[in-house]
C-alpha cells in the first residue's frame, strides 16, 4: 500500500529520542525514518510505544511547541484507564466510577 503523505513533519518524544512523524488527514499518524525524516516506516515496524505516545498526545489536546509535540503522562492512580476499579478476586473487578485524580481524562494534570 502506498500512502502519499505531506505537510509538516512533527516530532514526538519516544524512549528519550525525537521520533519524526506526519499526521495524515485520512490514515492517521505515519512514523518516519530518523535518518532522513522523509521515508515512511513500514506498517508493523513502527517504534515500540509510538502509538501509545500518539494517543496521549491526542488526548492531551494535540499541543505543540514549534515542531515538537507536548505529550502528557498517563494518570498513575488509574493506570490510564480513566476508571477506578477494585479487585474483588480472580479475574473479577468492581467498577467504582471515574478516577478521582484525573476525573476520567486518563492523563495527569
Protein backbone atom coordinates (compact mmCIF):
# COMPACT_ATOMS: atom_id res chain seq x y z
CA UNK A 1 0.00 0.00 0.00
CA UNK A 2 1.31 3.45 -0.85
CA UNK A 3 0.40 6.38 1.37
CA UNK A 4 1.37 9.73 -0.03
CA UNK A 5 1.84 11.97 2.96
CA UNK A 6 2.58 15.61 3.10
CA UNK A 7 2.53 18.56 5.37
CA UNK A 8 4.82 19.49 8.21
CA UNK A 9 7.00 16.91 9.94
CA UNK A 10 6.27 16.75 13.67
CA UNK A 11 8.42 15.19 16.38
CA UNK A 12 7.27 13.23 19.43
CA UNK A 13 9.42 12.12 22.36
CA UNK A 14 9.81 8.36 22.29
CA UNK A 15 12.23 6.46 24.53
CA UNK A 16 14.22 9.66 25.09
CA UNK A 17 14.62 10.36 21.36
CA UNK A 18 12.73 12.61 18.95
CA UNK A 19 10.67 10.42 16.59
CA UNK A 20 9.57 12.23 13.39
CA UNK A 21 6.09 11.56 12.01
CA UNK A 22 3.48 13.07 9.74
CA UNK A 23 -0.19 13.28 10.62
CA UNK A 24 -2.06 12.07 7.54
CA UNK A 25 -5.62 13.51 7.38
CA UNK A 26 -7.18 10.14 6.39
CA UNK A 27 -4.80 7.39 7.57
CA UNK A 28 -3.62 8.99 10.80
CA UNK A 29 -0.06 9.27 12.12
CA UNK A 30 2.73 7.87 9.96
CA UNK A 31 6.14 7.38 11.61
CA UNK A 32 9.13 8.49 9.54
CA UNK A 33 12.71 7.29 9.47
CA UNK A 34 15.00 9.08 11.93
CA UNK A 35 17.80 9.16 9.34
CA UNK A 36 16.23 11.33 6.66
CA UNK A 37 12.80 12.37 8.08
CA UNK A 38 11.19 11.63 4.69
CA UNK A 39 10.93 7.85 4.41
CA UNK A 40 7.78 6.34 5.98
CA UNK A 41 8.35 3.30 8.21
CA UNK A 42 6.53 0.15 7.07
CA UNK A 43 3.30 -0.77 8.83
CA UNK A 44 4.06 -3.08 11.74
CA UNK A 45 7.66 -1.85 12.07
CA UNK A 46 6.92 1.40 13.91
CA UNK A 47 8.98 2.03 17.06
CA UNK A 48 7.72 0.43 20.27
CA UNK A 49 5.38 2.77 22.13
CA UNK A 50 4.81 5.07 19.13
CA UNK A 51 1.02 4.78 19.03
CA UNK A 52 0.78 4.95 22.84
CA UNK A 53 2.60 8.31 22.72
CA UNK A 54 0.36 9.48 19.86
CA UNK A 55 -2.76 8.51 21.86
CA UNK A 56 -1.56 10.50 24.89
CA UNK A 57 -0.74 13.49 22.65
CA UNK A 58 -4.23 13.40 21.06
CA UNK A 59 -5.98 13.05 24.44
CA UNK A 60 -3.92 15.97 25.74
CA UNK A 61 -5.29 18.27 23.02
CA UNK A 62 -2.56 17.91 20.36
CA UNK A 63 -0.44 20.67 21.89
CA UNK A 64 2.79 21.52 20.10
CA UNK A 65 5.76 23.79 20.79
CA UNK A 66 7.24 24.53 17.39
CA UNK A 67 7.54 21.13 15.70
CA UNK A 68 7.63 19.15 18.97
CA UNK A 69 4.52 17.55 20.48
CA UNK A 70 3.76 18.04 24.17
CA UNK A 71 2.94 14.56 25.50
CA UNK A 72 1.34 14.32 28.97
CA UNK A 73 1.79 11.24 31.17
CA UNK A 74 -0.89 8.65 31.96
CA UNK A 75 -2.59 9.00 35.35
CA UNK A 76 -0.83 6.66 37.79
CA UNK A 77 -3.85 6.32 40.05
CA UNK A 78 -5.97 4.55 37.39
CA UNK A 79 -3.11 3.37 35.10
CA UNK A 80 -4.51 5.42 32.23
CA UNK A 81 -7.92 3.73 32.10
CA UNK A 82 -9.87 6.71 33.47
CA UNK A 83 -11.87 4.40 35.77
CA UNK A 84 -11.31 3.42 39.36
CA UNK A 85 -11.63 -0.33 39.83
CA UNK A 86 -11.40 -2.60 42.85
CA UNK A 87 -10.08 -6.15 42.61
CA UNK A 88 -12.71 -8.49 44.02
CA UNK A 89 -10.98 -11.81 43.36
CA UNK A 90 -9.70 -13.92 40.49
CA UNK A 91 -10.49 -12.08 37.26
CA UNK A 92 -13.34 -10.09 38.79
CA UNK A 93 -13.13 -6.32 39.24
CA UNK A 94 -15.72 -3.86 40.51
CA UNK A 95 -16.02 -0.56 38.64
CA UNK A 96 -16.27 2.35 41.09
CA UNK A 97 -16.73 5.17 38.58
CA UNK A 98 -14.34 7.75 37.16
CA UNK A 99 -10.89 8.16 38.67
CA UNK A 100 -10.88 10.90 41.30
CA UNK A 101 -7.39 12.12 40.49
CA UNK A 102 -7.80 12.64 36.71
CA UNK A 103 -11.65 12.87 36.58
CA UNK A 104 -11.74 10.26 33.82
CA UNK A 105 -9.42 12.16 31.43
CA UNK A 106 -6.75 9.37 31.77
CA UNK A 107 -3.95 12.00 31.90
CA UNK A 108 -2.07 13.73 34.70
CA UNK A 109 -2.72 17.41 35.13
